[in-house]
Amino acid sequence: MAPAGIENVISLAESGIKELPLSFVKDENERPTVPHNVFCHDIPVISLLSSRGHGRDRVRAELKMACQEWGIFQVVDHQVPTGLTNLIMSHAMDFFSFPLEEKLEYALKPGSYLDYGNGSFIKDDLLMDWRELYVTRCLPRDLNVWPSKIPTMR
């Protein structure tokens, strides 16, 4: 288990500890094989520009390939205003700065991929994963899954 008071990678980094707890260290065969600085330049980048008509088929094919071969992609030319994406990121940072007890109020339900989660999601796994996630749904509008402490996030 992580040291007392260490709830996630963010709090671990902010704590100023000098040595990584063993609960965050993956076996060699479970670690990424591509250096992060190379990986970041190689992930698929999918442009939504001209996605009408036959462009939709191109976007679908690129998304399918990215999901099957990479499991990650970056979308560009989406025309979502920068102000809105900045607001979304601000809300995300606000949510992830909550104490663990508050985040757990939105914990993943059995059989669901929605709401808050952290760790490896493997039953009885003591290894801490380097991620936290909060998956929201837009429809139907179930306000119970939206944090009440961030009203504008709703």
C-alpha atoms as a PDB file:
ATOM      1  CA  MET A   1       0.000   0.000   0.000  1.00  0.00           C
ATOM      2  CA  ALA A   2       1.015   3.609  -0.497  1.00  0.00           C
ATOM      3  CA  PRO A   3       2.419   5.504   2.501  1.00  0.00           C
ATOM      4  CA  ALA A   4      -0.132   7.158   4.806  1.00  0.00           C
ATOM      5  CA  GLY A   5      -1.474  10.359   3.254  1.00  0.00           C
ATOM      6  CA  ILE A   6      -0.428   9.334  -0.250  1.00  0.00           C
ATOM      7  CA  GLU A   7      -3.662   8.859  -2.169  1.00  0.00           C
ATOM      8  CA  ASN A   8      -2.532   9.158  -5.772  1.00  0.00           C
ATOM      9  CA  VAL A   9       0.324  10.174  -8.005  1.00  0.00           C
ATOM     10  CA  ILE A  10      -0.472  13.895  -7.692  1.00  0.00           C
ATOM     11  CA  SER A  11      -0.314  13.837  -3.892  1.00  0.00           C
ATOM     12  CA  LEU A  12       2.802  11.667  -4.121  1.00  0.00           C
ATOM     13  CA  ALA A  13       4.525  14.240  -6.338  1.00  0.00           C
ATOM     14  CA  GLU A  14       3.396  17.142  -4.153  1.00  0.00           C
ATOM     15  CA  SER A  15       4.567  15.426  -0.958  1.00  0.00           C
ATOM     16  CA  GLY A  16       8.208  15.916  -1.929  1.00  0.00           C
ATOM     17  CA  ILE A  17       9.234  12.354  -1.074  1.00  0.00           C
ATOM     18  CA  LYS A  18      12.588  11.336  -2.494  1.00  0.00           C
ATOM     19  CA  GLU A  19      11.969   7.639  -3.164  1.00  0.00           C
ATOM     20  CA  LEU A  20       9.071   6.045  -4.987  1.00  0.00           C
ATOM     21  CA  PRO A  21       7.053   3.673  -2.760  1.00  0.00           C
ATOM     22  CA  LEU A  22       7.231   0.050  -3.927  1.00  0.00           C
ATOM     23  CA  SER A  23       3.440   0.045  -4.296  1.00  0.00           C
ATOM     24  CA  PHE A  24       3.918   2.291  -7.353  1.00  0.00           C
ATOM     25  CA  VAL A  25       6.708   0.239  -8.976  1.00  0.00           C
ATOM     26  CA  LYS A  26       5.614  -2.122 -11.745  1.00  0.00           C
ATOM     27  CA  ASP A  27       7.548  -5.229 -12.757  1.00  0.00           C
ATOM     28  CA  GLU A  28       9.914  -4.689 -15.688  1.00  0.00           C
ATOM     29  CA  ASN A  29       7.653  -6.672 -18.041  1.00  0.00           C
ATOM     30  CA  GLU A  30       4.658  -4.427 -17.179  1.00  0.00           C
ATOM     31  CA  ARG A  31       6.402  -1.122 -17.894  1.00  0.00           C
ATOM     32  CA  PRO A  32       6.079   0.808 -21.163  1.00  0.00           C
ATOM     33  CA  THR A  33       8.750  -0.119 -23.677  1.00  0.00           C
ATOM     34  CA  VAL A  34       8.625   3.173 -25.604  1.00  0.00           C
ATOM     35  CA  PRO A  35      10.182   6.183 -23.867  1.00  0.00           C
ATOM     36  CA  HIS A  36       7.536   8.780 -22.982  1.00  0.00           C
ATOM     37  CA  ASN A  37       9.191  11.482 -25.069  1.00  0.00           C
ATOM     38  CA  VAL A  38       9.108   9.239 -28.172  1.00  0.00           C
ATOM     39  CA  PHE A  39       5.637   7.917 -27.424  1.00  0.00           C
ATOM     40  CA  CYS A  40       4.180  11.426 -27.198  1.00  0.00           C
ATOM     41  CA  HIS A  41       5.385  12.238 -30.695  1.00  0.00           C
ATOM     42  CA  ASP A  42       4.083   9.007 -32.202  1.00  0.00           C
ATOM     43  CA  ILE A  43       0.534   8.653 -30.890  1.00  0.00           C
ATOM     44  CA  PRO A  44      -2.125   8.947 -33.594  1.00  0.00           C
ATOM     45  CA  VAL A  45      -3.378  12.487 -34.205  1.00  0.00           C
ATOM     46  CA  ILE A  46      -6.835  12.542 -35.766  1.00  0.00           C
ATOM     47  CA  SER A  47      -8.085  15.665 -37.501  1.00  0.00           C
ATOM     48  CA  LEU A  48     -11.826  16.255 -37.578  1.00  0.00           C
ATOM     49  CA  LEU A  49     -11.393  18.875 -40.308  1.00  0.00           C
ATOM     50  CA  SER A  50     -13.517  17.995 -43.323  1.00  0.00           C
ATOM     51  CA  SER A  51     -15.212  15.143 -41.452  1.00  0.00           C
ATOM     52  CA  ARG A  52     -18.390  15.524 -43.523  1.00  0.00           C
ATOM     53  CA  GLY A  53     -19.291  13.007 -46.207  1.00  0.00           C
ATOM     54  CA  HIS A  54     -16.416  10.653 -47.032  1.00  0.00           C
ATOM     55  CA  GLY A  55     -14.330  12.376 -44.381  1.00  0.00           C
ATOM     56  CA  ARG A  56     -16.425  10.594 -41.740  1.00  0.00           C
ATOM     57  CA  ASP A  57     -15.287   7.240 -43.126  1.00  0.00           C
ATOM     58  CA  ARG A  58     -11.669   8.424 -42.825  1.00  0.00           C
ATOM     59  CA  VAL A  59     -12.209   9.574 -39.225  1.00  0.00           C
ATOM     60  CA  ARG A  60     -13.923   6.280 -38.301  1.00  0.00           C
ATOM     61  CA  ALA A  61     -11.066   4.273 -39.826  1.00  0.00           C
ATOM     62  CA  GLU A  62      -8.439   6.385 -38.018  1.00  0.00           C
ATOM     63  CA  LEU A  63     -10.297   6.089 -34.694  1.00  0.00           C
ATOM     64  CA  LYS A  64     -10.633   2.322 -35.103  1.00  0.00           C
ATOM     65  CA  MET A  65      -6.920   1.937 -35.856  1.00  0.00           C
ATOM     66  CA  ALA A  66      -5.918   4.199 -32.962  1.00  0.00           C
ATOM     67  CA  CYS A  67      -8.113   2.285 -30.503  1.00  0.00           C
ATOM     68  CA  GLN A  68      -7.011  -1.146 -31.697  1.00  0.00           C
ATOM     69  CA  GLU A  69      -3.298  -0.475 -32.091  1.00  0.00           C
ATOM     70  CA  TRP A  70      -2.614   2.268 -29.540  1.00  0.00           C
ATOM     71  CA  GLY A  71      -5.482   2.591 -27.077  1.00  0.00           C
ATOM     72  CA  ILE A  72      -4.935   6.360 -27.147  1.00  0.00           C
ATOM     73  CA  PHE A  73      -5.161   9.218 -29.636  1.00  0.00           C
ATOM     74  CA  GLN A  74      -5.279  12.996 -29.871  1.00  0.00           C
ATOM     75  CA  VAL A  75      -8.122  14.778 -31.650  1.00  0.00           C
ATOM     76  CA  VAL A  76      -7.372  18.097 -33.370  1.00  0.00           C
ATOM     77  CA  ASP A  77      -9.491  20.482 -35.439  1.00  0.00           C
ATOM     78  CA  HIS A  78     -12.498  19.700 -33.197  1.00  0.00           C
ATOM     79  CA  GLN A  79     -13.567  23.368 -33.015  1.00  0.00           C
ATOM     80  CA  VAL A  80     -14.226  23.186 -29.269  1.00  0.00           C
ATOM     81  CA  PRO A  81     -13.385  26.695 -28.012  1.00  0.00           C
ATOM     82  CA  THR A  82     -10.164  26.983 -26.014  1.00  0.00           C
ATOM     83  CA  GLY A  83     -12.054  28.683 -23.187  1.00  0.00           C
ATOM     84  CA  LEU A  84     -14.304  25.638 -22.802  1.00  0.00           C
ATOM     85  CA  THR A  85     -11.425  23.138 -22.866  1.00  0.00           C
ATOM     86  CA  ASN A  86      -9.590  25.265 -20.280  1.00  0.00           C
ATOM     87  CA  LEU A  87     -12.715  25.296 -18.083  1.00  0.00           C
ATOM     88  CA  ILE A  88     -13.033  21.507 -18.376  1.00  0.00           C
ATOM     89  CA  MET A  89      -9.372  21.063 -17.388  1.00  0.00           C
ATOM     90  CA  SER A  90      -9.850  23.444 -14.456  1.00  0.00           C
ATOM     91  CA  HIS A  91     -12.853  21.430 -13.245  1.00  0.00           C
ATOM     92  CA  ALA A  92     -10.875  18.202 -13.608  1.00  0.00           C
ATOM     93  CA  MET A  93      -7.993  19.597 -11.538  1.00  0.00           C
ATOM     94  CA  ASP A  94     -10.490  20.812  -8.919  1.00  0.00           C
ATOM     95  CA  PHE A  95     -12.080  17.367  -8.711  1.00  0.00           C
ATOM     96  CA  PHE A  96      -8.781  15.479  -8.470  1.00  0.00           C
ATOM     97  CA  SER A  97      -7.612  17.814  -5.699  1.00  0.00           C
ATOM     98  CA  PHE A  98     -10.512  16.637  -3.469  1.00  0.00           C
ATOM     99  CA  PRO A  99      -9.526  14.410  -0.545  1.00  0.00           C
ATOM    100  CA  LEU A 100      -9.845  10.721  -1.361  1.00  0.00           C
ATOM    101  CA  GLU A 101     -12.933  10.332   0.845  1.00  0.00           C
ATOM    102  CA  GLU A 102     -14.811  12.929  -1.228  1.00  0.00           C
ATOM    103  CA  LYS A 103     -13.739  11.417  -4.545  1.00  0.00           C
ATOM    104  CA  LEU A 104     -14.892   8.003  -3.350  1.00  0.00           C
ATOM    105  CA  GLU A 105     -18.435   9.392  -3.059  1.00  0.00           C
ATOM    106  CA  TYR A 106     -18.373   9.159  -6.868  1.00  0.00           C
ATOM    107  CA  ALA A 107     -16.622   5.777  -6.979  1.00  0.00           C
ATOM    108  CA  LEU A 108     -17.152   3.281  -9.771  1.00  0.00           C
ATOM    109  CA  LYS A 109     -20.170   1.098  -9.250  1.00  0.00           C
ATOM    110  CA  PRO A 110     -19.863  -2.673  -9.868  1.00  0.00           C
ATOM    111  CA  GLY A 111     -20.396  -3.401 -13.556  1.00  0.00           C
ATOM    112  CA  SER A 112     -20.015   0.270 -14.512  1.00  0.00           C
ATOM    113  CA  TYR A 113     -17.353   2.235 -16.334  1.00  0.00           C
ATOM    114  CA  LEU A 114     -18.703   5.556 -15.149  1.00  0.00           C
ATOM    115  CA  ASP A 115     -17.723   7.875 -12.333  1.00  0.00           C
ATOM    116  CA  TYR A 116     -14.482   7.944 -10.275  1.00  0.00           C
ATOM    117  CA  GLY A 117     -11.798   5.286 -10.042  1.00  0.00           C
ATOM    118  CA  ASN A 118      -8.112   4.808  -9.311  1.00  0.00           C
ATOM    119  CA  GLY A 119      -5.757   1.883  -8.970  1.00  0.00           C
ATOM    120  CA  SER A 120      -5.288  -1.031 -11.296  1.00  0.00           C
ATOM    121  CA  PHE A 121      -8.907  -2.286 -11.249  1.00  0.00           C
ATOM    122  CA  ILE A 122      -7.589  -5.825 -10.837  1.00  0.00           C
ATOM    123  CA  LYS A 123      -9.192  -7.635  -7.917  1.00  0.00           C
ATOM    124  CA  ASP A 124      -6.903  -7.859  -4.860  1.00  0.00           C
ATOM    125  CA  ASP A 125      -4.082  -5.979  -6.661  1.00  0.00           C
ATOM    126  CA  LEU A 126      -2.015  -4.046  -4.115  1.00  0.00           C
ATOM    127  CA  LEU A 127      -0.056  -2.238  -6.825  1.00  0.00           C
ATOM    128  CA  MET A 128      -1.051   1.407  -7.180  1.00  0.00           C
ATOM    129  CA  ASP A 129      -1.711   2.522 -10.731  1.00  0.00           C
ATOM    130  CA  TRP A 130      -0.452   5.839 -12.038  1.00  0.00           C
ATOM    131  CA  ARG A 131      -3.896   7.090 -12.885  1.00  0.00           C
ATOM    132  CA  GLU A 132      -7.103   8.444 -11.543  1.00  0.00           C
ATOM    133  CA  LEU A 133     -10.140   8.807 -13.709  1.00  0.00           C
ATOM    134  CA  TYR A 134     -13.515  10.388 -13.594  1.00  0.00           C
ATOM    135  CA  VAL A 135     -15.785   9.398 -16.434  1.00  0.00           C
ATOM    136  CA  THR A 136     -18.924  11.441 -16.865  1.00  0.00           C
ATOM    137  CA  ARG A 137     -21.931  10.926 -19.025  1.00  0.00           C
ATOM    138  CA  CYS A 138     -23.906  13.658 -20.666  1.00  0.00           C
ATOM    139  CA  LEU A 139     -27.166  11.843 -21.387  1.00  0.00           C
ATOM    140  CA  PRO A 140     -29.234  10.971 -19.551  1.00  0.00           C
ATOM    141  CA  ARG A 141     -28.479  13.846 -17.244  1.00  0.00           C
ATOM    142  CA  ASP A 142     -28.053  12.086 -13.943  1.00  0.00           C
ATOM    143  CA  LEU A 143     -26.861  14.896 -11.687  1.00  0.00           C
ATOM    144  CA  ASN A 144     -25.945  12.400  -8.952  1.00  0.00           C
ATOM    145  CA  VAL A 145     -22.742  11.559 -10.841  1.00  0.00           C
ATOM    146  CA  TRP A 146     -21.626  15.195 -11.021  1.00  0.00           C
ATOM    147  CA  PRO A 147     -19.715  16.622  -8.022  1.00  0.00           C
ATOM    148  CA  SER A 148     -21.954  19.059  -6.158  1.00  0.00           C
ATOM    149  CA  LYS A 149     -18.911  21.026  -4.878  1.00  0.00           C
ATOM    150  CA  ILE A 150     -18.235  22.167  -8.452  1.00  0.00           C
ATOM    151  CA  PRO A 151     -21.683  23.420  -9.525  1.00  0.00           C
ATOM    152  CA  THR A 152     -20.497  24.787 -12.869  1.00  0.00           C
ATOM    153  CA  MET A 153     -19.177  21.334 -13.767  1.00  0.00           C
ATOM    154  CA  ARG A 154     -22.796  20.202 -14.088  1.00  0.00           C
END
